[in-house]
PDB file of N, CA and C in Angstrom:
ATOM      1  N   MET A   1     123.012  50.984 112.968  1.00  0.00           N
ATOM      2  CA  MET A   1     121.627  50.565 112.873  1.00  0.00           C
ATOM      3  C   MET A   1     121.084  50.999 111.509  1.00  0.00           C
ATOM      4  N   PRO A   2     120.324  50.120 110.854  1.00  0.00           N
ATOM      5  CA  PRO A   2     119.746  50.471 109.559  1.00  0.00           C
ATOM      6  C   PRO A   2     118.797  51.667 109.659  1.00  0.00           C
ATOM      7  N   ARG A   3     118.506  52.239 108.538  1.00  0.00           N
ATOM      8  CA  ARG A   3     117.659  53.433 108.454  1.00  0.00           C
ATOM      9  C   ARG A   3     116.355  53.296 109.224  1.00  0.00           C
ATOM     10  N   ASP A   4     115.689  52.132 109.146  1.00  0.00           N
ATOM     11  CA  ASP A   4     114.378  51.971 109.761  1.00  0.00           C
ATOM     12  C   ASP A   4     114.422  51.435 111.186  1.00  0.00           C
ATOM     13  N   GLY A   5     115.602  51.211 111.721  1.00  0.00           N
ATOM     14  CA  GLY A   5     115.757  50.848 113.120  1.00  0.00           C
ATOM     15  C   GLY A   5     115.157  49.507 113.517  1.00  0.00           C
ATOM     16  N   ASP A   6     114.755  49.433 114.787  1.00  0.00           N
ATOM     17  CA  ASP A   6     114.249  48.192 115.366  1.00  0.00           C
ATOM     18  C   ASP A   6     112.982  47.684 114.687  1.00  0.00           C
ATOM     19  N   VAL A   7     112.171  48.589 114.179  1.00  0.00           N
ATOM     20  CA  VAL A   7     110.936  48.164 113.517  1.00  0.00           C
ATOM     21  C   VAL A   7     111.275  47.314 112.297  1.00  0.00           C
ATOM     22  N   ALA A   8     112.282  47.712 111.547  1.00  0.00           N
ATOM     23  CA  ALA A   8     112.680  46.946 110.359  1.00  0.00           C
ATOM     24  C   ALA A   8     113.249  45.590 110.751  1.00  0.00           C
ATOM     25  N   VAL A   9     113.979  45.539 111.841  1.00  0.00           N
ATOM     26  CA  VAL A   9     114.530  44.264 112.308  1.00  0.00           C
ATOM     27  C   VAL A   9     113.386  43.317 112.660  1.00  0.00           C
ATOM     28  N   GLN A  10     112.396  43.810 113.386  1.00  0.00           N
ATOM     29  CA  GLN A  10     111.228  42.988 113.738  1.00  0.00           C
ATOM     30  C   GLN A  10     110.474  42.538 112.491  1.00  0.00           C
ATOM     31  N   ALA A  11     110.333  43.428 111.520  1.00  0.00           N
ATOM     32  CA  ALA A  11     109.618  43.088 110.294  1.00  0.00           C
ATOM     33  C   ALA A  11     110.338  41.991 109.519  1.00  0.00           C
ATOM     34  N   ARG A  12     111.663  42.048 109.487  1.00  0.00           N
ATOM     35  CA  ARG A  12     112.415  41.003 108.789  1.00  0.00           C
ATOM     36  C   ARG A  12     112.331  39.676 109.526  1.00  0.00           C
ATOM     37  N   GLU A  13     112.353  39.709 110.828  1.00  0.00           N
ATOM     38  CA  GLU A  13     112.319  38.474 111.616  1.00  0.00           C
ATOM     39  C   GLU A  13     110.951  37.805 111.594  1.00  0.00           C
ATOM     40  N   LYS A  14     109.901  38.590 111.771  1.00  0.00           N
ATOM     41  CA  LYS A  14     108.549  38.046 111.912  1.00  0.00           C
ATOM     42  C   LYS A  14     107.740  38.117 110.625  1.00  0.00           C
ATOM     43  N   GLY A  15     108.164  38.945 109.715  1.00  0.00           N
ATOM     44  CA  GLY A  15     107.369  39.282 108.546  1.00  0.00           C
ATOM     45  C   GLY A  15     106.698  40.616 108.809  1.00  0.00           C
ATOM     46  N   ALA A  16     106.607  41.438 107.776  1.00  0.00           N
ATOM     47  CA  ALA A  16     106.066  42.790 107.947  1.00  0.00           C
ATOM     48  C   ALA A  16     104.623  42.776 108.443  1.00  0.00           C
ATOM     49  N   GLY A  17     103.823  41.847 107.945  1.00  0.00           N
ATOM     50  CA  GLY A  17     102.422  41.789 108.364  1.00  0.00           C
ATOM     51  C   GLY A  17     102.273  41.449 109.830  1.00  0.00           C
ATOM     52  N   ALA A  18     102.976  40.418 110.277  1.00  0.00           N
ATOM     53  CA  ALA A  18     102.885  40.005 111.681  1.00  0.00           C
ATOM     54  C   ALA A  18     103.423  41.096 112.601  1.00  0.00           C
ATOM     55  N   ALA A  19     104.526  41.731 112.202  1.00  0.00           N
ATOM     56  CA  ALA A  19     105.087  42.805 113.020  1.00  0.00           C
ATOM     57  C   ALA A  19     104.126  43.991 113.082  1.00  0.00           C
ATOM     58  N   ALA A  20     103.519  44.343 111.962  1.00  0.00           N
ATOM     59  CA  ALA A  20     102.567  45.459 111.933  1.00  0.00           C
ATOM     60  C   ALA A  20     101.336  45.136 112.773  1.00  0.00           C
ATOM     61  N   ALA A  21     100.878  43.892 112.713  1.00  0.00           N
ATOM     62  CA  ALA A  21      99.701  43.496 113.494  1.00  0.00           C
ATOM     63  C   ALA A  21      99.961  43.646 114.995  1.00  0.00           C
ATOM     64  N   GLU A  22     101.185  43.374 115.424  1.00  0.00           N
ATOM     65  CA  GLU A  22     101.523  43.551 116.844  1.00  0.00           C
ATOM     66  C   GLU A  22     101.504  45.020 117.233  1.00  0.00           C
ATOM     67  N   LEU A  23     101.918  45.880 116.316  1.00  0.00           N
ATOM     68  CA  LEU A  23     101.963  47.315 116.598  1.00  0.00           C
ATOM     69  C   LEU A  23     100.600  47.987 116.470  1.00  0.00           C
ATOM     70  N   LEU A  24      99.676  47.326 115.777  1.00  0.00           N
ATOM     71  CA  LEU A  24      98.345  47.889 115.525  1.00  0.00           C
ATOM     72  C   LEU A  24      97.265  46.916 115.973  1.00  0.00           C
ATOM     73  N   PRO A  25      97.151  46.673 117.275  1.00  0.00           N
ATOM     74  CA  PRO A  25      96.188  45.687 117.760  1.00  0.00           C
ATOM     75  C   PRO A  25      94.765  46.024 117.309  1.00  0.00           C
ATOM     76  N   GLY A  26      94.055  44.981 116.894  1.00  0.00           N
ATOM     77  CA  GLY A  26      92.677  45.153 116.465  1.00  0.00           C
ATOM     78  C   GLY A  26      92.512  45.421 114.979  1.00  0.00           C
ATOM     79  N   VAL A  27      93.605  45.733 114.289  1.00  0.00           N
ATOM     80  CA  VAL A  27      93.532  45.994 112.853  1.00  0.00           C
ATOM     81  C   VAL A  27      93.402  44.674 112.113  1.00  0.00           C
ATOM     82  N   LYS A  28      92.576  44.651 111.109  1.00  0.00           N
ATOM     83  CA  LYS A  28      92.382  43.467 110.278  1.00  0.00           C
ATOM     84  C   LYS A  28      93.267  43.630 109.051  1.00  0.00           C
ATOM     85  N   LEU A  29      94.437  43.062 109.121  1.00  0.00           N
ATOM     86  CA  LEU A  29      95.492  43.293 108.147  1.00  0.00           C
ATOM     87  C   LEU A  29      95.621  42.118 107.192  1.00  0.00           C
ATOM     88  N   VAL A  30      95.797  42.420 105.922  1.00  0.00           N
ATOM     89  CA  VAL A  30      96.045  41.412 104.900  1.00  0.00           C
ATOM     90  C   VAL A  30      97.275  41.853 104.126  1.00  0.00           C
ATOM     91  N   ARG A  31      98.172  40.926 103.870  1.00  0.00           N
ATOM     92  CA  ARG A  31      99.336  41.225 103.033  1.00  0.00           C
ATOM     93  C   ARG A  31      99.005  40.814 101.611  1.00  0.00           C
ATOM     94  N   ALA A  32      99.062  41.761 100.703  1.00  0.00           N
ATOM     95  CA  ALA A  32      98.830  41.514  99.282  1.00  0.00           C
ATOM     96  C   ALA A  32      99.574  42.604  98.512  1.00  0.00           C
ATOM     97  N   PHE A  33      99.754  42.393  97.237  1.00  0.00           N
ATOM     98  CA  PHE A  33     100.455  43.347  96.378  1.00  0.00           C
ATOM     99  C   PHE A  33     101.887  43.588  96.842  1.00  0.00           C
ATOM    100  N   ASN A  34     102.498  42.596  97.482  1.00  0.00           N
ATOM    101  CA  ASN A  34     103.867  42.737  97.944  1.00  0.00           C
ATOM    102  C   ASN A  34     104.857  41.877  97.173  1.00  0.00           C
ATOM    103  N   ALA A  35     104.373  40.892  96.454  1.00  0.00           N
ATOM    104  CA  ALA A  35     105.266  39.939  95.796  1.00  0.00           C
ATOM    105  C   ALA A  35     105.737  40.422  94.430  1.00  0.00           C
ATOM    106  N   ILE A  36     105.001  41.346  93.832  1.00  0.00           N
ATOM    107  CA  ILE A  36     105.337  41.839  92.500  1.00  0.00           C
ATOM    108  C   ILE A  36     105.695  43.313  92.608  1.00  0.00           C
ATOM    109  N   GLY A  37     106.842  43.684  92.096  1.00  0.00           N
ATOM    110  CA  GLY A  37     107.288  45.070  92.139  1.00  0.00           C
ATOM    111  C   GLY A  37     106.352  45.990  91.373  1.00  0.00           C
ATOM    112  N   TYR A  38     106.270  47.214  91.797  1.00  0.00           N
ATOM    113  CA  TYR A  38     105.323  48.152  91.212  1.00  0.00           C
ATOM    114  C   TYR A  38     105.550  48.339  89.710  1.00  0.00           C
ATOM    115  N   ALA A  39     106.786  48.307  89.257  1.00  0.00           N
ATOM    116  CA  ALA A  39     107.056  48.520  87.838  1.00  0.00           C
ATOM    117  C   ALA A  39     106.488  47.375  87.000  1.00  0.00           C
ATOM    118  N   ARG A  40     106.526  46.170  87.509  1.00  0.00           N
ATOM    119  CA  ARG A  40     105.992  45.005  86.800  1.00  0.00           C
ATOM    120  C   ARG A  40     104.489  44.855  87.020  1.00  0.00           C
ATOM    121  N   LEU A  41     104.007  45.331  88.137  1.00  0.00           N
ATOM    122  CA  LEU A  41     102.597  45.165  88.476  1.00  0.00           C
ATOM    123  C   LEU A  41     101.689  45.757  87.405  1.00  0.00           C
ATOM    124  N   SER A  42     102.005  46.948  86.928  1.00  0.00           N
ATOM    125  CA  SER A  42     101.140  47.590  85.934  1.00  0.00           C
ATOM    126  C   SER A  42     101.106  46.808  84.627  1.00  0.00           C
ATOM    127  N   GLU A  43     102.145  46.047  84.340  1.00  0.00           N
ATOM    128  CA  GLU A  43     102.168  45.235  83.125  1.00  0.00           C
ATOM    129  C   GLU A  43     101.314  43.974  83.259  1.00  0.00           C
ATOM    130  N   GLN A  44     101.015  43.564  84.484  1.00  0.00           N
ATOM    131  CA  GLN A  44     100.343  42.297  84.714  1.00  0.00           C
ATOM    132  C   GLN A  44      98.832  42.407  84.872  1.00  0.00           C
ATOM    133  N   VAL A  45      98.334  43.591  85.148  1.00  0.00           N
ATOM    134  CA  VAL A  45      96.904  43.730  85.402  1.00  0.00           C
ATOM    135  C   VAL A  45      96.100  43.664  84.112  1.00  0.00           C
ATOM    136  N   LYS A  46      94.835  43.341  84.254  1.00  0.00           N
ATOM    137  CA  LYS A  46      93.867  43.307  83.163  1.00  0.00           C
ATOM    138  C   LYS A  46      94.280  42.366  82.031  1.00  0.00           C
ATOM    139  N   ARG A  47      94.813  41.224  82.386  1.00  0.00           N
ATOM    140  CA  ARG A  47      95.113  40.202  81.392  1.00  0.00           C
ATOM    141  C   ARG A  47      93.848  39.395  81.135  1.00  0.00           C
ATOM    142  N   ALA A  48      93.873  38.590  80.101  1.00  0.00           N
ATOM    143  CA  ALA A  48      92.718  37.758  79.773  1.00  0.00           C
ATOM    144  C   ALA A  48      92.398  36.826  80.935  1.00  0.00           C
ATOM    145  N   GLU A  49      91.118  36.498  81.102  1.00  0.00           N
ATOM    146  CA  GLU A  49      90.641  35.686  82.228  1.00  0.00           C
ATOM    147  C   GLU A  49      91.482  34.430  82.450  1.00  0.00           C
ATOM    148  N   GLY A  50      91.782  33.674  81.415  1.00  0.00           N
ATOM    149  CA  GLY A  50      92.533  32.431  81.571  1.00  0.00           C
ATOM    150  C   GLY A  50      94.026  32.620  81.699  1.00  0.00           C
ATOM    151  N   ASP A  51      94.496  33.847  81.558  1.00  0.00           N
ATOM    152  CA  ASP A  51      95.930  34.129  81.567  1.00  0.00           C
ATOM    153  C   ASP A  51      96.322  35.020  82.744  1.00  0.00           C
ATOM    154  N   ARG A  52      95.503  35.036  83.765  1.00  0.00           N
ATOM    155  CA  ARG A  52      95.747  35.940  84.894  1.00  0.00           C
ATOM    156  C   ARG A  52      96.950  35.502  85.733  1.00  0.00           C
ATOM    157  N   ILE A  53      97.666  36.486  86.203  1.00  0.00           N
ATOM    158  CA  ILE A  53      98.760  36.253  87.142  1.00  0.00           C
ATOM    159  C   ILE A  53      98.140  36.100  88.523  1.00  0.00           C
ATOM    160  N   GLY A  54      98.710  35.231  89.323  1.00  0.00           N
ATOM    161  CA  GLY A  54      98.242  35.063  90.687  1.00  0.00           C
ATOM    162  C   GLY A  54      98.810  36.137  91.591  1.00  0.00           C
ATOM    163  N   MET A  55      98.020  36.530  92.579  1.00  0.00           N
ATOM    164  CA  MET A  55      98.482  37.485  93.592  1.00  0.00           C
ATOM    165  C   MET A  55      98.392  36.787  94.944  1.00  0.00           C
ATOM    166  N   PRO A  56      99.536  36.381  95.494  1.00  0.00           N
ATOM    167  CA  PRO A  56      99.493  35.731  96.799  1.00  0.00           C
ATOM    168  C   PRO A  56      99.075  36.717  97.881  1.00  0.00           C
ATOM    169  N   ILE A  57      98.222  36.236  98.781  1.00  0.00           N
ATOM    170  CA  ILE A  57      97.775  37.058  99.903  1.00  0.00           C
ATOM    171  C   ILE A  57      97.839  36.228 101.182  1.00  0.00           C
ATOM    172  N   ALA A  58      98.072  36.910 102.282  1.00  0.00           N
ATOM    173  CA  ALA A  58      98.128  36.262 103.588  1.00  0.00           C
ATOM    174  C   ALA A  58      97.315  37.088 104.563  1.00  0.00           C
ATOM    175  N   GLY A  59      96.538  36.412 105.406  1.00  0.00           N
ATOM    176  CA  GLY A  59      95.737  37.136 106.387  1.00  0.00           C
ATOM    177  C   GLY A  59      95.037  36.192 107.336  1.00  0.00           C
ATOM    178  N   ASP A  60      94.522  36.757 108.411  1.00  0.00           N
ATOM    179  CA  ASP A  60      93.853  35.979 109.449  1.00  0.00           C
ATOM    180  C   ASP A  60      92.350  36.233 109.521  1.00  0.00           C
ATOM    181  N   ASP A  61      91.886  37.331 108.965  1.00  0.00           N
ATOM    182  CA  ASP A  61      90.482  37.710 109.075  1.00  0.00           C
ATOM    183  C   ASP A  61      89.761  37.418 107.756  1.00  0.00           C
ATOM    184  N   ALA A  62      88.734  36.582 107.798  1.00  0.00           N
ATOM    185  CA  ALA A  62      88.023  36.165 106.586  1.00  0.00           C
ATOM    186  C   ALA A  62      87.420  37.339 105.831  1.00  0.00           C
ATOM    187  N   ASN A  63      86.845  38.307 106.532  1.00  0.00           N
ATOM    188  CA  ASN A  63      86.250  39.460 105.853  1.00  0.00           C
ATOM    189  C   ASN A  63      87.305  40.326 105.180  1.00  0.00           C
ATOM    190  N   ALA A  64      88.434  40.515 105.828  1.00  0.00           N
ATOM    191  CA  ALA A  64      89.523  41.303 105.239  1.00  0.00           C
ATOM    192  C   ALA A  64      90.103  40.579 104.021  1.00  0.00           C
ATOM    193  N   ILE A  65      90.210  39.263 104.109  1.00  0.00           N
ATOM    194  CA  ILE A  65      90.701  38.470 102.973  1.00  0.00           C
ATOM    195  C   ILE A  65      89.722  38.581 101.810  1.00  0.00           C
ATOM    196  N   ALA A  66      88.431  38.524 102.088  1.00  0.00           N
ATOM    197  CA  ALA A  66      87.421  38.636 101.031  1.00  0.00           C
ATOM    198  C   ALA A  66      87.502  39.999 100.344  1.00  0.00           C
ATOM    199  N   LEU A  67      87.682  41.052 101.118  1.00  0.00           N
ATOM    200  CA  LEU A  67      87.792  42.389 100.545  1.00  0.00           C
ATOM    201  C   LEU A  67      89.051  42.503  99.683  1.00  0.00           C
ATOM    202  N   ALA A  68      90.177  42.028 100.202  1.00  0.00           N
ATOM    203  CA  ALA A  68      91.423  42.073  99.432  1.00  0.00           C
ATOM    204  C   ALA A  68      91.288  41.254  98.148  1.00  0.00           C
ATOM    205  N   SER A  69      90.638  40.100  98.237  1.00  0.00           N
ATOM    206  CA  SER A  69      90.440  39.253  97.059  1.00  0.00           C
ATOM    207  C   SER A  69      89.600  39.966  96.000  1.00  0.00           C
ATOM    208  N   LYS A  70      88.578  40.678  96.448  1.00  0.00           N
ATOM    209  CA  LYS A  70      87.732  41.441  95.521  1.00  0.00           C
ATOM    210  C   LYS A  70      88.558  42.508  94.808  1.00  0.00           C
ATOM    211  N   LEU A  71      89.380  43.223  95.541  1.00  0.00           N
ATOM    212  CA  LEU A  71      90.222  44.263  94.944  1.00  0.00           C
ATOM    213  C   LEU A  71      91.210  43.668  93.946  1.00  0.00           C
ATOM    214  N   ILE A  72      91.782  42.536  94.298  1.00  0.00           N
ATOM    215  CA  ILE A  72      92.735  41.872  93.408  1.00  0.00           C
ATOM    216  C   ILE A  72      92.055  41.463  92.106  1.00  0.00           C
ATOM    217  N   ARG A  73      90.860  40.904  92.206  1.00  0.00           N
ATOM    218  CA  ARG A  73      90.115  40.526  90.995  1.00  0.00           C
ATOM    219  C   ARG A  73      89.749  41.748  90.162  1.00  0.00           C
ATOM    220  N   GLU A  74      89.404  42.854  90.824  1.00  0.00           N
ATOM    221  CA  GLU A  74      89.023  44.067  90.098  1.00  0.00           C
ATOM    222  C   GLU A  74      90.163  44.617  89.248  1.00  0.00           C
ATOM    223  N   VAL A  75      91.398  44.399  89.654  1.00  0.00           N
ATOM    224  CA  VAL A  75      92.523  44.872  88.846  1.00  0.00           C
ATOM    225  C   VAL A  75      92.996  43.826  87.850  1.00  0.00           C
ATOM    226  N   GLY A  76      92.315  42.681  87.815  1.00  0.00           N
ATOM    227  CA  GLY A  76      92.608  41.699  86.791  1.00  0.00           C
ATOM    228  C   GLY A  76      93.586  40.613  87.169  1.00  0.00           C
ATOM    229  N   MET A  77      93.740  40.374  88.447  1.00  0.00           N
ATOM    230  CA  MET A  77      94.623  39.302  88.901  1.00  0.00           C
ATOM    231  C   MET A  77      93.806  38.280  89.681  1.00  0.00           C
ATOM    232  N   GLU A  78      94.390  37.143  89.935  1.00  0.00           N
ATOM    233  CA  GLU A  78      93.695  36.081  90.665  1.00  0.00           C
ATOM    234  C   GLU A  78      94.289  35.960  92.070  1.00  0.00           C
ATOM    235  N   PRO A  79      93.478  36.202  93.111  1.00  0.00           N
ATOM    236  CA  PRO A  79      93.996  36.074  94.479  1.00  0.00           C
ATOM    237  C   PRO A  79      94.253  34.607  94.827  1.00  0.00           C
ATOM    238  N   VAL A  80      95.343  34.389  95.532  1.00  0.00           N
ATOM    239  CA  VAL A  80      95.685  33.043  95.994  1.00  0.00           C
ATOM    240  C   VAL A  80      96.049  33.163  97.473  1.00  0.00           C
ATOM    241  N   LEU A  81      95.171  32.672  98.334  1.00  0.00           N
ATOM    242  CA  LEU A  81      95.433  32.712  99.769  1.00  0.00           C
ATOM    243  C   LEU A  81      96.549  31.728 100.088  1.00  0.00           C
ATOM    244  N   ILE A  82      97.631  32.235 100.674  1.00  0.00           N
ATOM    245  CA  ILE A  82      98.767  31.371 100.997  1.00  0.00           C
ATOM    246  C   ILE A  82      98.770  30.950 102.456  1.00  0.00           C
ATOM    247  N   GLY A  83      97.864  31.518 103.250  1.00  0.00           N
ATOM    248  CA  GLY A  83      97.771  31.133 104.650  1.00  0.00           C
ATOM    249  C   GLY A  83      97.614  32.330 105.559  1.00  0.00           C
ATOM    250  N   PRO A  84      97.884  32.127 106.845  1.00  0.00           N
ATOM    251  CA  PRO A  84      97.714  33.207 107.823  1.00  0.00           C
ATOM    252  C   PRO A  84      98.728  34.332 107.600  1.00  0.00           C
ATOM    253  N   LEU A  85      98.520  35.409 108.298  1.00  0.00           N
ATOM    254  CA  LEU A  85      99.338  36.611 108.152  1.00  0.00           C
ATOM    255  C   LEU A  85     100.832  36.329 108.281  1.00  0.00           C
ATOM    256  N   VAL A  86     101.224  35.404 109.121  1.00  0.00           N
ATOM    257  CA  VAL A  86     102.656  35.120 109.291  1.00  0.00           C
ATOM    258  C   VAL A  86     103.299  34.632 107.999  1.00  0.00           C
ATOM    259  N   MET A  87     102.504  34.066 107.090  1.00  0.00           N
ATOM    260  CA  MET A  87     103.039  33.626 105.799  1.00  0.00           C
ATOM    261  C   MET A  87     103.408  34.814 104.914  1.00  0.00           C
ATOM    262  N   GLY A  88     102.984  36.001 105.291  1.00  0.00           N
ATOM    263  CA  GLY A  88     103.329  37.201 104.539  1.00  0.00           C
ATOM    264  C   GLY A  88     104.819  37.442 104.455  1.00  0.00           C
ATOM    265  N   LYS A  89     105.590  36.791 105.313  1.00  0.00           N
ATOM    266  CA  LYS A  89     107.049  36.952 105.254  1.00  0.00           C
ATOM    267  C   LYS A  89     107.624  36.411 103.947  1.00  0.00           C
ATOM    268  N   TYR A  90     106.841  35.628 103.224  1.00  0.00           N
ATOM    269  CA  TYR A  90     107.290  35.092 101.940  1.00  0.00           C
ATOM    270  C   TYR A  90     106.897  35.976 100.761  1.00  0.00           C
ATOM    271  N   LEU A  91     106.390  37.152 101.027  1.00  0.00           N
ATOM    272  CA  LEU A  91     105.937  38.053  99.968  1.00  0.00           C
ATOM    273  C   LEU A  91     106.884  39.234  99.789  1.00  0.00           C
ATOM    274  N   LEU A  92     108.154  38.974  99.883  1.00  0.00           N
ATOM    275  CA  LEU A  92     109.160  40.020  99.760  1.00  0.00           C
ATOM    276  C   LEU A  92     110.143  39.670  98.650  1.00  0.00           C
ATOM    277  N   PRO A  93     110.837  40.664  98.097  1.00  0.00           N
ATOM    278  CA  PRO A  93     111.875  40.363  97.111  1.00  0.00           C
ATOM    279  C   PRO A  93     112.883  39.359  97.675  1.00  0.00           C
ATOM    280  N   GLY A  94     113.284  38.455  96.831  1.00  0.00           N
ATOM    281  CA  GLY A  94     114.265  37.457  97.242  1.00  0.00           C
ATOM    282  C   GLY A  94     113.662  36.210  97.862  1.00  0.00           C
ATOM    283  N   THR A  95     112.343  36.183  98.052  1.00  0.00           N
ATOM    284  CA  THR A  95     111.690  34.992  98.586  1.00  0.00           C
ATOM    285  C   THR A  95     111.111  34.184  97.429  1.00  0.00           C
ATOM    286  N   PRO A  96     110.779  32.934  97.661  1.00  0.00           N
ATOM    287  CA  PRO A  96     110.278  32.087  96.563  1.00  0.00           C
ATOM    288  C   PRO A  96     109.021  32.614  95.874  1.00  0.00           C
ATOM    289  N   LEU A  97     108.196  33.380  96.565  1.00  0.00           N
ATOM    290  CA  LEU A  97     106.955  33.883  95.965  1.00  0.00           C
ATOM    291  C   LEU A  97     107.116  35.223  95.260  1.00  0.00           C
ATOM    292  N   ALA A  98     108.289  35.797  95.319  1.00  0.00           N
ATOM    293  CA  ALA A  98     108.509  37.085  94.663  1.00  0.00           C
ATOM    294  C   ALA A  98     108.418  36.939  93.153  1.00  0.00           C
ATOM    295  N   GLY A  99     107.854  37.929  92.510  1.00  0.00           N
ATOM    296  CA  GLY A  99     107.743  37.924  91.056  1.00  0.00           C
ATOM    297  C   GLY A  99     106.398  37.415  90.586  1.00  0.00           C
ATOM    298  N   GLU A 100     106.261  37.293  89.276  1.00  0.00           N
ATOM    299  CA  GLU A 100     105.001  36.874  88.686  1.00  0.00           C
ATOM    300  C   GLU A 100     104.922  35.356  88.613  1.00  0.00           C
ATOM    301  N   HIS A 101     103.795  34.829  89.052  1.00  0.00           N
ATOM    302  CA  HIS A 101     103.537  33.388  89.008  1.00  0.00           C
ATOM    303  C   HIS A 101     102.067  33.167  88.686  1.00  0.00           C
ATOM    304  N   THR A 102     101.775  32.047  88.083  1.00  0.00           N
ATOM    305  CA  THR A 102     100.382  31.669  87.881  1.00  0.00           C
ATOM    306  C   THR A 102      99.816  31.244  89.236  1.00  0.00           C
ATOM    307  N   PRO A 103      98.490  31.210  89.370  1.00  0.00           N
ATOM    308  CA  PRO A 103      97.918  30.715  90.625  1.00  0.00           C
ATOM    309  C   PRO A 103      98.408  29.309  90.968  1.00  0.00           C
ATOM    310  N   GLN A 104      98.524  28.446  89.965  1.00  0.00           N
ATOM    311  CA  GLN A 104      98.991  27.078  90.209  1.00  0.00           C
ATOM    312  C   GLN A 104     100.440  27.065  90.700  1.00  0.00           C
ATOM    313  N   GLU A 105     101.283  27.911  90.123  1.00  0.00           N
ATOM    314  CA  GLU A 105     102.676  27.988  90.566  1.00  0.00           C
ATOM    315  C   GLU A 105     102.758  28.465  92.010  1.00  0.00           C
ATOM    316  N   ILE A 106     101.920  29.433  92.369  1.00  0.00           N
ATOM    317  CA  ILE A 106     101.916  29.931  93.751  1.00  0.00           C
ATOM    318  C   ILE A 106     101.558  28.805  94.710  1.00  0.00           C
ATOM    319  N   ARG A 107     100.516  28.051  94.387  1.00  0.00           N
ATOM    320  CA  ARG A 107     100.115  26.947  95.265  1.00  0.00           C
ATOM    321  C   ARG A 107     101.232  25.907  95.398  1.00  0.00           C
ATOM    322  N   GLN A 108     101.927  25.631  94.309  1.00  0.00           N
ATOM    323  CA  GLN A 108     103.038  24.675  94.353  1.00  0.00           C
ATOM    324  C   GLN A 108     104.175  25.204  95.238  1.00  0.00           C
ATOM    325  N   ILE A 109     104.528  26.455  95.071  1.00  0.00           N
ATOM    326  CA  ILE A 109     105.602  27.055  95.884  1.00  0.00           C
ATOM    327  C   ILE A 109     105.215  27.020  97.364  1.00  0.00           C
ATOM    328  N   VAL A 110     103.972  27.394  97.667  1.00  0.00           N
ATOM    329  CA  VAL A 110     103.511  27.433  99.057  1.00  0.00           C
ATOM    330  C   VAL A 110     103.584  26.032  99.680  1.00  0.00           C
ATOM    331  N   SER A 111     103.305  25.016  98.891  1.00  0.00           N
ATOM    332  CA  SER A 111     103.341  23.647  99.449  1.00  0.00           C
ATOM    333  C   SER A 111     104.750  23.253  99.889  1.00  0.00           C
ATOM    334  N   THR A 112     105.756  23.929  99.378  1.00  0.00           N
ATOM    335  CA  THR A 112     107.140  23.641  99.791  1.00  0.00           C
ATOM    336  C   THR A 112     107.574  24.472 100.990  1.00  0.00           C
ATOM    337  N   LEU A 113     106.790  25.487 101.359  1.00  0.00           N
ATOM    338  CA  LEU A 113     107.165  26.392 102.436  1.00  0.00           C
ATOM    339  C   LEU A 113     106.670  25.938 103.810  1.00  0.00           C
ATOM    340  N   LYS A 114     105.686  25.084 103.848  1.00  0.00           N
ATOM    341  CA  LYS A 114     105.066  24.726 105.131  1.00  0.00           C
ATOM    342  C   LYS A 114     105.869  23.739 105.916  1.00  0.00           C
TER     343      LYS A 114
END
């Protein structure tokens, strides 16, 4: 069994956000800051307004999405809602949304995932 056990298996199958939401009923969870590795993330923040990197986010609660979007803008990135929390499974290394993308590129990639 892998280091993280059954929880990791569920997270891979359902997506970490959806699996966490099942374990934490009532929590308003948004997946963000997962598509770009931490080492690259610091290089991408605070870019010029027209040159911002997109930050894909997934969530089910409008208020939580608004808060996450505000935080993303404050660090100099552009939030791009990719859909409900279950879409968060595409915000991991090795998935099409991993890495740095413009907001337009994120929307194009997402249109191929549905």
